[in-house]
C-alpha atoms as a PDB file:
ATOM      1  CA  UNK A   1     -13.150  23.007  -0.072  1.00  0.00           C
ATOM      2  CA  UNK A   2     -12.800  19.549   1.489  1.00  0.00           C
ATOM      3  CA  UNK A   3     -10.001  17.055   0.913  1.00  0.00           C
ATOM      4  CA  UNK A   4     -11.037  13.574  -0.212  1.00  0.00           C
ATOM      5  CA  UNK A   5      -9.732  10.062   0.396  1.00  0.00           C
ATOM      6  CA  UNK A   6     -10.520   7.636  -2.404  1.00  0.00           C
ATOM      7  CA  UNK A   7     -10.587   4.128  -0.987  1.00  0.00           C
ATOM      8  CA  UNK A   8     -11.141   5.847   2.328  1.00  0.00           C
ATOM      9  CA  UNK A   9     -12.643   2.823   4.063  1.00  0.00           C
ATOM     10  CA  UNK A  10      -9.685   0.537   3.329  1.00  0.00           C
ATOM     11  CA  UNK A  11      -6.643  -0.369   5.399  1.00  0.00           C
ATOM     12  CA  UNK A  12      -4.610   2.758   4.694  1.00  0.00           C
ATOM     13  CA  UNK A  13      -7.425   5.207   3.955  1.00  0.00           C
ATOM     14  CA  UNK A  14      -8.934   4.608   7.382  1.00  0.00           C
ATOM     15  CA  UNK A  15      -5.738   5.691   9.151  1.00  0.00           C
ATOM     16  CA  UNK A  16      -5.181   8.697   6.894  1.00  0.00           C
ATOM     17  CA  UNK A  17      -8.702   9.843   7.757  1.00  0.00           C
ATOM     18  CA  UNK A  18      -7.950   9.522  11.478  1.00  0.00           C
ATOM     19  CA  UNK A  19      -4.628  11.374  11.151  1.00  0.00           C
ATOM     20  CA  UNK A  20      -6.386  14.207   9.307  1.00  0.00           C
ATOM     21  CA  UNK A  21      -8.581  14.572  12.396  1.00  0.00           C
ATOM     22  CA  UNK A  22     -11.557  13.255  10.423  1.00  0.00           C
ATOM     23  CA  UNK A  23     -11.705  16.495   8.438  1.00  0.00           C
ATOM     24  CA  UNK A  24     -11.473  14.826   5.021  1.00  0.00           C
ATOM     25  CA  UNK A  25     -14.245  13.000   3.172  1.00  0.00           C
ATOM     26  CA  UNK A  26     -13.906   9.212   2.911  1.00  0.00           C
ATOM     27  CA  UNK A  27     -15.168   7.772  -0.357  1.00  0.00           C
ATOM     28  CA  UNK A  28     -15.606   4.111  -1.236  1.00  0.00           C
ATOM     29  CA  UNK A  29     -15.611   2.675  -4.754  1.00  0.00           C
ATOM     30  CA  UNK A  30     -19.412   2.866  -4.581  1.00  0.00           C
ATOM     31  CA  UNK A  31     -19.207   6.574  -3.776  1.00  0.00           C
ATOM     32  CA  UNK A  32     -16.749   7.210  -6.588  1.00  0.00           C
ATOM     33  CA  UNK A  33     -15.815   4.630  -9.210  1.00  0.00           C
ATOM     34  CA  UNK A  34     -12.487   6.042 -10.394  1.00  0.00           C
ATOM     35  CA  UNK A  35     -12.723   4.154 -13.691  1.00  0.00           C
ATOM     36  CA  UNK A  36     -15.648   6.377 -14.724  1.00  0.00           C
ATOM     37  CA  UNK A  37     -14.679  10.029 -15.443  1.00  0.00           C
ATOM     38  CA  UNK A  38     -18.204  11.353 -14.783  1.00  0.00           C
ATOM     39  CA  UNK A  39     -18.107   9.922 -11.261  1.00  0.00           C
ATOM     40  CA  UNK A  40     -14.819  11.673 -10.580  1.00  0.00           C
ATOM     41  CA  UNK A  41     -16.123  14.908 -12.064  1.00  0.00           C
ATOM     42  CA  UNK A  42     -19.137  14.928  -9.704  1.00  0.00           C
ATOM     43  CA  UNK A  43     -16.910  14.402  -6.669  1.00  0.00           C
ATOM     44  CA  UNK A  44     -14.508  17.191  -7.661  1.00  0.00           C
ATOM     45  CA  UNK A  45     -17.346  19.625  -8.356  1.00  0.00           C
ATOM     46  CA  UNK A  46     -18.962  18.831  -5.017  1.00  0.00           C
ATOM     47  CA  UNK A  47     -15.894  18.966  -2.746  1.00  0.00           C
ATOM     48  CA  UNK A  48     -13.344  21.053  -4.709  1.00  0.00           C
ATOM     49  CA  UNK A  49     -10.475  19.307  -2.894  1.00  0.00           C
ATOM     50  CA  UNK A  50      -7.045  20.806  -2.332  1.00  0.00           C
ATOM     51  CA  UNK A  51      -5.662  17.305  -1.725  1.00  0.00           C
ATOM     52  CA  UNK A  52      -6.794  13.998  -3.181  1.00  0.00           C
ATOM     53  CA  UNK A  53      -5.521  10.868  -1.437  1.00  0.00           C
ATOM     54  CA  UNK A  54      -5.840   7.950  -3.818  1.00  0.00           C
ATOM     55  CA  UNK A  55      -5.868   4.767  -1.731  1.00  0.00           C
ATOM     56  CA  UNK A  56      -7.979   2.959  -4.329  1.00  0.00           C
ATOM     57  CA  UNK A  57      -6.256   0.001  -5.951  1.00  0.00           C
ATOM     58  CA  UNK A  58      -6.872  -3.447  -7.355  1.00  0.00           C
ATOM     59  CA  UNK A  59      -4.202  -5.257  -5.392  1.00  0.00           C
ATOM     60  CA  UNK A  60      -5.285  -8.873  -5.193  1.00  0.00           C
ATOM     61  CA  UNK A  61      -2.253 -10.026  -7.166  1.00  0.00           C
ATOM     62  CA  UNK A  62      -3.670 -13.405  -8.131  1.00  0.00           C
ATOM     63  CA  UNK A  63      -6.912 -11.874  -9.408  1.00  0.00           C
ATOM     64  CA  UNK A  64      -4.943  -9.284 -11.388  1.00  0.00           C
ATOM     65  CA  UNK A  65      -3.433 -12.129 -13.420  1.00  0.00           C
ATOM     66  CA  UNK A  66      -6.926 -13.370 -14.257  1.00  0.00           C
ATOM     67  CA  UNK A  67      -8.427  -9.917 -14.810  1.00  0.00           C
ATOM     68  CA  UNK A  68      -5.689  -7.805 -16.437  1.00  0.00           C
ATOM     69  CA  UNK A  69      -8.181  -5.372 -17.956  1.00  0.00           C
ATOM     70  CA  UNK A  70      -9.665  -4.525 -14.568  1.00  0.00           C
ATOM     71  CA  UNK A  71      -6.183  -4.269 -13.093  1.00  0.00           C
ATOM     72  CA  UNK A  72      -5.146  -1.680 -15.673  1.00  0.00           C
ATOM     73  CA  UNK A  73      -8.484   0.158 -15.509  1.00  0.00           C
ATOM     74  CA  UNK A  74      -8.134   0.733 -11.751  1.00  0.00           C
ATOM     75  CA  UNK A  75      -4.360   0.902 -11.274  1.00  0.00           C
ATOM     76  CA  UNK A  76      -3.405   2.735 -14.475  1.00  0.00           C
ATOM     77  CA  UNK A  77      -6.086   4.297 -16.696  1.00  0.00           C
ATOM     78  CA  UNK A  78      -7.960   5.853 -13.773  1.00  0.00           C
ATOM     79  CA  UNK A  79      -4.829   7.859 -12.939  1.00  0.00           C
ATOM     80  CA  UNK A  80      -5.211   9.774 -16.212  1.00  0.00           C
ATOM     81  CA  UNK A  81      -8.735  10.765 -15.205  1.00  0.00           C
ATOM     82  CA  UNK A  82      -7.661  11.723 -11.684  1.00  0.00           C
ATOM     83  CA  UNK A  83      -4.700  13.710 -13.018  1.00  0.00           C
ATOM     84  CA  UNK A  84      -6.935  15.631 -15.426  1.00  0.00           C
ATOM     85  CA  UNK A  85      -9.428  16.621 -12.734  1.00  0.00           C
ATOM     86  CA  UNK A  86      -6.676  17.476 -10.258  1.00  0.00           C
ATOM     87  CA  UNK A  87      -5.190  19.793 -12.887  1.00  0.00           C
ATOM     88  CA  UNK A  88      -8.572  21.354 -13.588  1.00  0.00           C
ATOM     89  CA  UNK A  89      -9.227  22.069  -9.904  1.00  0.00           C
ATOM     90  CA  UNK A  90      -5.608  22.817  -8.919  1.00  0.00           C
ATOM     91  CA  UNK A  91      -5.642  19.819  -6.560  1.00  0.00           C
ATOM     92  CA  UNK A  92      -2.608  17.852  -5.433  1.00  0.00           C
ATOM     93  CA  UNK A  93      -2.794  14.097  -6.014  1.00  0.00           C
ATOM     94  CA  UNK A  94      -1.250  11.823  -3.392  1.00  0.00           C
ATOM     95  CA  UNK A  95      -1.078   8.415  -5.007  1.00  0.00           C
ATOM     96  CA  UNK A  96       0.098   5.104  -3.546  1.00  0.00           C
ATOM     97  CA  UNK A  97       2.124   2.620  -5.529  1.00  0.00           C
ATOM     98  CA  UNK A  98       3.834  -0.660  -4.742  1.00  0.00           C
ATOM     99  CA  UNK A  99       7.080  -2.526  -4.125  1.00  0.00           C
ATOM    100  CA  UNK A 100       5.933  -4.906  -6.870  1.00  0.00           C
ATOM    101  CA  UNK A 101       7.215  -2.522  -9.547  1.00  0.00           C
ATOM    102  CA  UNK A 102      10.612  -4.245  -9.045  1.00  0.00           C
ATOM    103  CA  UNK A 103      11.751  -7.640 -10.341  1.00  0.00           C
ATOM    104  CA  UNK A 104      13.301  -8.782  -7.053  1.00  0.00           C
ATOM    105  CA  UNK A 105      16.723  -9.705  -8.443  1.00  0.00           C
ATOM    106  CA  UNK A 106      18.641  -7.150  -6.405  1.00  0.00           C
ATOM    107  CA  UNK A 107      20.385  -8.230  -3.205  1.00  0.00           C
ATOM    108  CA  UNK A 108      19.886  -4.765  -1.743  1.00  0.00           C
ATOM    109  CA  UNK A 109      16.830  -2.734  -0.810  1.00  0.00           C
ATOM    110  CA  UNK A 110      15.232  -0.812  -3.634  1.00  0.00           C
ATOM    111  CA  UNK A 111      15.546   2.977  -3.509  1.00  0.00           C
ATOM    112  CA  UNK A 112      13.728   5.601  -5.536  1.00  0.00           C
ATOM    113  CA  UNK A 113      16.634   5.530  -8.005  1.00  0.00           C
ATOM    114  CA  UNK A 114      16.314   1.764  -8.625  1.00  0.00           C
ATOM    115  CA  UNK A 115      15.028   0.856 -12.073  1.00  0.00           C
ATOM    116  CA  UNK A 116      11.529  -0.683 -12.033  1.00  0.00           C
ATOM    117  CA  UNK A 117      11.036  -3.946 -13.898  1.00  0.00           C
ATOM    118  CA  UNK A 118       7.730  -5.508 -12.799  1.00  0.00           C
ATOM    119  CA  UNK A 119       7.199  -9.232 -13.384  1.00  0.00           C
ATOM    120  CA  UNK A 120       3.434  -9.639 -12.933  1.00  0.00           C
ATOM    121  CA  UNK A 121       0.244  -7.885 -14.053  1.00  0.00           C
ATOM    122  CA  UNK A 122      -0.278  -6.114 -10.745  1.00  0.00           C
ATOM    123  CA  UNK A 123       3.254  -4.699 -10.762  1.00  0.00           C
ATOM    124  CA  UNK A 124       3.040  -3.657 -14.410  1.00  0.00           C
ATOM    125  CA  UNK A 125      -0.287  -1.888 -13.849  1.00  0.00           C
ATOM    126  CA  UNK A 126       1.039  -0.040 -10.791  1.00  0.00           C
ATOM    127  CA  UNK A 127       4.170   1.056 -12.631  1.00  0.00           C
ATOM    128  CA  UNK A 128       2.056   2.295 -15.526  1.00  0.00           C
ATOM    129  CA  UNK A 129      -0.029   4.287 -13.038  1.00  0.00           C
ATOM    130  CA  UNK A 130       3.105   5.958 -11.683  1.00  0.00           C
ATOM    131  CA  UNK A 131       4.185   6.982 -15.165  1.00  0.00           C
ATOM    132  CA  UNK A 132       0.769   8.426 -15.973  1.00  0.00           C
ATOM    133  CA  UNK A 133       0.769  10.560 -12.809  1.00  0.00           C
ATOM    134  CA  UNK A 134       4.319  11.826 -13.439  1.00  0.00           C
ATOM    135  CA  UNK A 135       3.541  12.674 -17.052  1.00  0.00           C
ATOM    136  CA  UNK A 136       0.073  14.214 -16.729  1.00  0.00           C
ATOM    137  CA  UNK A 137      -0.425  15.521 -13.190  1.00  0.00           C
ATOM    138  CA  UNK A 138       0.844  19.028 -12.390  1.00  0.00           C
ATOM    139  CA  UNK A 139       0.811  18.618  -8.607  1.00  0.00           C
ATOM    140  CA  UNK A 140       1.467  15.169  -7.151  1.00  0.00           C
ATOM    141  CA  UNK A 141       3.239  12.961  -4.648  1.00  0.00           C
ATOM    142  CA  UNK A 142       3.682   9.257  -5.419  1.00  0.00           C
ATOM    143  CA  UNK A 143       4.368   7.015  -2.425  1.00  0.00           C
ATOM    144  CA  UNK A 144       5.527   3.423  -2.859  1.00  0.00           C
ATOM    145  CA  UNK A 145       4.640   1.216   0.089  1.00  0.00           C
ATOM    146  CA  UNK A 146       5.304  -2.433   0.876  1.00  0.00           C
ATOM    147  CA  UNK A 147       3.741  -5.393   2.671  1.00  0.00           C
ATOM    148  CA  UNK A 148       1.066  -3.432   4.503  1.00  0.00           C
ATOM    149  CA  UNK A 149      -1.122  -4.666   7.346  1.00  0.00           C
ATOM    150  CA  UNK A 150      -3.700  -3.020   9.531  1.00  0.00           C
ATOM    151  CA  UNK A 151      -6.276  -3.523  12.231  1.00  0.00           C
ATOM    152  CA  UNK A 152      -8.855  -3.017   9.509  1.00  0.00           C
ATOM    153  CA  UNK A 153      -9.382  -6.052   7.290  1.00  0.00           C
ATOM    154  CA  UNK A 154      -8.541  -5.846   3.618  1.00  0.00           C
ATOM    155  CA  UNK A 155     -11.786  -6.150   1.633  1.00  0.00           C
ATOM    156  CA  UNK A 156      -9.978  -6.867  -1.629  1.00  0.00           C
ATOM    157  CA  UNK A 157      -8.440 -10.000  -0.169  1.00  0.00           C
ATOM    158  CA  UNK A 158     -11.161 -12.170   1.253  1.00  0.00           C
ATOM    159  CA  UNK A 159      -8.721 -13.905   3.618  1.00  0.00           C
ATOM    160  CA  UNK A 160      -7.356 -10.594   4.916  1.00  0.00           C
ATOM    161  CA  UNK A 161      -3.855  -9.178   5.082  1.00  0.00           C
ATOM    162  CA  UNK A 162      -0.818 -11.299   5.990  1.00  0.00           C
ATOM    163  CA  UNK A 163      -1.217 -10.920   9.746  1.00  0.00           C
ATOM    164  CA  UNK A 164      -4.893 -11.878   9.470  1.00  0.00           C
ATOM    165  CA  UNK A 165      -3.911 -14.989   7.523  1.00  0.00           C
ATOM    166  CA  UNK A 166      -1.380 -16.081  10.130  1.00  0.00           C
ATOM    167  CA  UNK A 167      -3.920 -15.605  12.928  1.00  0.00           C
ATOM    168  CA  UNK A 168      -6.696 -17.365  10.984  1.00  0.00           C
ATOM    169  CA  UNK A 169      -4.485 -20.363  10.191  1.00  0.00           C
ATOM    170  CA  UNK A 170      -2.798 -20.571  13.578  1.00  0.00           C
ATOM    171  CA  UNK A 171      -4.866 -23.576  14.670  1.00  0.00           C
ATOM    172  CA  UNK A 172      -3.405 -25.698  11.889  1.00  0.00           C
ATOM    173  CA  UNK A 173      -0.465 -27.980  12.652  1.00  0.00           C
ATOM    174  CA  UNK A 174       1.854 -25.738  10.676  1.00  0.00           C
ATOM    175  CA  UNK A 175       1.862 -22.832   8.233  1.00  0.00           C
ATOM    176  CA  UNK A 176       4.121 -22.683   5.188  1.00  0.00           C
ATOM    177  CA  UNK A 177       5.421 -19.201   4.363  1.00  0.00           C
ATOM    178  CA  UNK A 178       7.679 -17.902   1.609  1.00  0.00           C
ATOM    179  CA  UNK A 179      11.128 -16.394   2.131  1.00  0.00           C
ATOM    180  CA  UNK A 180      10.452 -13.292  -0.003  1.00  0.00           C
ATOM    181  CA  UNK A 181      12.386 -10.315   1.401  1.00  0.00           C
ATOM    182  CA  UNK A 182      10.061  -7.497   2.493  1.00  0.00           C
ATOM    183  CA  UNK A 183       9.657  -4.401   4.652  1.00  0.00           C
ATOM    184  CA  UNK A 184       6.466  -5.068   6.696  1.00  0.00           C
ATOM    185  CA  UNK A 185       4.588  -1.810   7.209  1.00  0.00           C
ATOM    186  CA  UNK A 186       1.869  -1.050   9.742  1.00  0.00           C
ATOM    187  CA  UNK A 187      -0.622   1.295   8.067  1.00  0.00           C
ATOM    188  CA  UNK A 188      -0.724   3.670  11.020  1.00  0.00           C
ATOM    189  CA  UNK A 189       3.044   4.240  10.682  1.00  0.00           C
ATOM    190  CA  UNK A 190       2.626   4.934   6.954  1.00  0.00           C
ATOM    191  CA  UNK A 191      -0.172   7.408   7.695  1.00  0.00           C
ATOM    192  CA  UNK A 192       1.910   9.184  10.361  1.00  0.00           C
ATOM    193  CA  UNK A 193       4.790   9.564   7.926  1.00  0.00           C
ATOM    194  CA  UNK A 194       2.512  10.727   5.131  1.00  0.00           C
ATOM    195  CA  UNK A 195       0.760  13.405   7.174  1.00  0.00           C
ATOM    196  CA  UNK A 196       4.155  14.789   8.166  1.00  0.00           C
ATOM    197  CA  UNK A 197       5.343  15.268   4.571  1.00  0.00           C
ATOM    198  CA  UNK A 198       2.456  15.410   2.085  1.00  0.00           C
ATOM    199  CA  UNK A 199       2.366  19.219   2.008  1.00  0.00           C
ATOM    200  CA  UNK A 200       6.160  19.566   2.051  1.00  0.00           C
ATOM    201  CA  UNK A 201       7.275  17.327  -0.834  1.00  0.00           C
ATOM    202  CA  UNK A 202       6.046  18.128  -4.314  1.00  0.00           C
ATOM    203  CA  UNK A 203       6.207  16.311  -7.650  1.00  0.00           C
ATOM    204  CA  UNK A 204       8.368  13.470  -6.427  1.00  0.00           C
ATOM    205  CA  UNK A 205       8.154   9.711  -6.100  1.00  0.00           C
ATOM    206  CA  UNK A 206       9.172   8.501  -2.652  1.00  0.00           C
ATOM    207  CA  UNK A 207       9.330   5.292  -0.643  1.00  0.00           C
ATOM    208  CA  UNK A 208       7.569   5.090   2.712  1.00  0.00           C
ATOM    209  CA  UNK A 209       8.982   2.043   4.424  1.00  0.00           C
ATOM    210  CA  UNK A 210      10.519   0.896   7.745  1.00  0.00           C
ATOM    211  CA  UNK A 211      14.319   1.151   8.067  1.00  0.00           C
ATOM    212  CA  UNK A 212      14.934  -2.577   8.280  1.00  0.00           C
ATOM    213  CA  UNK A 213      13.789  -5.571   6.265  1.00  0.00           C
ATOM    214  CA  UNK A 214      12.929  -9.195   6.932  1.00  0.00           C
ATOM    215  CA  UNK A 215      11.196 -12.057   5.090  1.00  0.00           C
ATOM    216  CA  UNK A 216       7.600 -13.211   5.146  1.00  0.00           C
ATOM    217  CA  UNK A 217       8.872 -16.359   6.899  1.00  0.00           C
ATOM    218  CA  UNK A 218      10.673 -14.438   9.651  1.00  0.00           C
ATOM    219  CA  UNK A 219       7.754 -12.035   9.983  1.00  0.00           C
ATOM    220  CA  UNK A 220       5.377 -14.973  10.420  1.00  0.00           C
ATOM    221  CA  UNK A 221       7.600 -16.415  13.141  1.00  0.00           C
ATOM    222  CA  UNK A 222       7.637 -13.053  14.893  1.00  0.00           C
ATOM    223  CA  UNK A 223       3.818 -12.767  14.699  1.00  0.00           C
ATOM    224  CA  UNK A 224       3.499 -16.293  16.050  1.00  0.00           C
ATOM    225  CA  UNK A 225       5.772 -15.477  18.989  1.00  0.00           C
ATOM    226  CA  UNK A 226       4.324 -12.044  19.834  1.00  0.00           C
ATOM    227  CA  UNK A 227       0.702 -13.178  19.688  1.00  0.00           C
ATOM    228  CA  UNK A 228       1.485 -16.536  21.322  1.00  0.00           C
ATOM    229  CA  UNK A 229      -0.329 -18.437  18.615  1.00  0.00           C
ATOM    230  CA  UNK A 230       1.553 -21.671  19.254  1.00  0.00           C
ATOM    231  CA  UNK A 231       1.774 -22.894  15.673  1.00  0.00           C
ATOM    232  CA  UNK A 232       4.742 -24.119  13.647  1.00  0.00           C
ATOM    233  CA  UNK A 233       6.001 -21.916  10.837  1.00  0.00           C
ATOM    234  CA  UNK A 234       7.761 -23.653   7.955  1.00  0.00           C
ATOM    235  CA  UNK A 235       9.523 -22.257   4.912  1.00  0.00           C
ATOM    236  CA  UNK A 236       7.729 -22.642   1.605  1.00  0.00           C
ATOM    237  CA  UNK A 237      10.504 -22.969  -0.955  1.00  0.00           C
ATOM    238  CA  UNK A 238       8.297 -23.720  -3.964  1.00  0.00           C
ATOM    239  CA  UNK A 239       5.980 -21.359  -5.801  1.00  0.00           C
ATOM    240  CA  UNK A 240       2.656 -23.138  -6.259  1.00  0.00           C
ATOM    241  CA  UNK A 241       0.930 -20.056  -7.662  1.00  0.00           C
ATOM    242  CA  UNK A 242       0.378 -19.062 -11.266  1.00  0.00           C
ATOM    243  CA  UNK A 243       2.120 -15.744 -10.688  1.00  0.00           C
ATOM    244  CA  UNK A 244       5.680 -14.472 -10.578  1.00  0.00           C
ATOM    245  CA  UNK A 245       6.627 -12.665  -7.388  1.00  0.00           C
ATOM    246  CA  UNK A 246       9.823 -10.715  -6.693  1.00  0.00           C
ATOM    247  CA  UNK A 247      12.190 -12.622  -4.400  1.00  0.00           C
ATOM    248  CA  UNK A 248      13.197  -9.306  -2.861  1.00  0.00           C
ATOM    249  CA  UNK A 249      10.839  -6.323  -2.744  1.00  0.00           C
ATOM    250  CA  UNK A 250      12.256  -4.534   0.308  1.00  0.00           C
ATOM    251  CA  UNK A 251      12.185  -0.745   0.006  1.00  0.00           C
ATOM    252  CA  UNK A 252      14.476   1.977   1.326  1.00  0.00           C
ATOM    253  CA  UNK A 253      13.176   5.510   1.944  1.00  0.00           C
ATOM    254  CA  UNK A 254      16.265   7.305   0.605  1.00  0.00           C
ATOM    255  CA  UNK A 255      14.582  10.624  -0.230  1.00  0.00           C
ATOM    256  CA  UNK A 256      12.904  11.007   3.164  1.00  0.00           C
ATOM    257  CA  UNK A 257      16.153  10.100   4.913  1.00  0.00           C
ATOM    258  CA  UNK A 258      18.294  12.446   2.813  1.00  0.00           C
ATOM    259  CA  UNK A 259      15.871  15.358   3.228  1.00  0.00           C
ATOM    260  CA  UNK A 260      15.523  14.801   7.004  1.00  0.00           C
ATOM    261  CA  UNK A 261      11.819  13.965   6.801  1.00  0.00           C
ATOM    262  CA  UNK A 262      12.095  10.328   7.898  1.00  0.00           C
ATOM    263  CA  UNK A 263       9.883   9.220  10.812  1.00  0.00           C
ATOM    264  CA  UNK A 264       9.302   5.494  10.183  1.00  0.00           C
ATOM    265  CA  UNK A 265      10.107   3.116  13.037  1.00  0.00           C
ATOM    266  CA  UNK A 266      11.559  -0.397  13.048  1.00  0.00           C
ATOM    267  CA  UNK A 267       9.006  -2.925  11.742  1.00  0.00           C
ATOM    268  CA  UNK A 268       9.087  -4.720  15.113  1.00  0.00           C
ATOM    269  CA  UNK A 269       8.034  -1.509  16.877  1.00  0.00           C
ATOM    270  CA  UNK A 270       5.312  -1.104  14.293  1.00  0.00           C
ATOM    271  CA  UNK A 271       4.002  -4.567  15.052  1.00  0.00           C
ATOM    272  CA  UNK A 272       4.078  -3.948  18.805  1.00  0.00           C
ATOM    273  CA  UNK A 273       1.938  -0.854  18.196  1.00  0.00           C
ATOM    274  CA  UNK A 274      -0.446  -3.011  16.126  1.00  0.00           C
ATOM    275  CA  UNK A 275      -0.478  -5.591  18.919  1.00  0.00           C
ATOM    276  CA  UNK A 276      -1.596  -2.994  21.483  1.00  0.00           C
ATOM    277  CA  UNK A 277      -4.614  -2.033  19.418  1.00  0.00           C
ATOM    278  CA  UNK A 278      -5.529  -5.413  17.941  1.00  0.00           C
ATOM    279  CA  UNK A 279      -9.066  -6.591  18.551  1.00  0.00           C
ATOM    280  CA  UNK A 280      -9.073  -9.431  21.024  1.00  0.00           C
ATOM    281  CA  UNK A 281     -11.443 -11.418  18.830  1.00  0.00           C
ATOM    282  CA  UNK A 282      -8.725 -11.797  16.203  1.00  0.00           C
ATOM    283  CA  UNK A 283      -6.588 -14.022  18.377  1.00  0.00           C
ATOM    284  CA  UNK A 284      -9.181 -15.954  20.354  1.00  0.00           C
END
């Protein structure tokens, strides 16, 4: 029996693999296309996993608007297949969802008790995936995460995660950034928190997020200062995209806090940890 990480070569999957002492099996979408039941069946028969970490997602939000079918196939329908095979093999599914299940109208952070109301295709597909897992899967843990970044580049977004974008565009005269309220999360911190609780919390939906929030604009200014990029950061007050985004998508980890399982650090500490391990080539 060997645990598996679907999307194991991505930003989060890479860290989960490291935190599991490299004892799990990392699988890419080529190794296991989760939209095809026969592919999943082969993987389950081969590894007979006790735990299945589903880091696979279609999370390029702009592309989701253009390709809604693919968005729902990966983020929603595949969860029915995964739930069925987890039930068959008595496996526990650890699935990752998103802050984008909320509409952003709240002035406060969103807790697990907040009512989802997604306003774009990506958010709708992720919320549908949550519901499928809760309804069909016998053993699960759903973790909502927000505004993730990592040393490892995000393959789904050709221009990388947010930190990558700021670094890549730092030679421009200025960078315009939105004022959306967020909880920036370093993937290593998420993985540390997950490994601490994934065997202890069953059949619940939780938030894994830093204790404090900021905005993309303030985060960009902080990145600029910490990495000494020397560019000007300006607020972008107009939405030039063909997609609705929540004005506030900051999360609060109420369940982890209330049950004394909370280990997440301040987002600034998370970034300093990222800074220590960042490849020098990223900022040259």
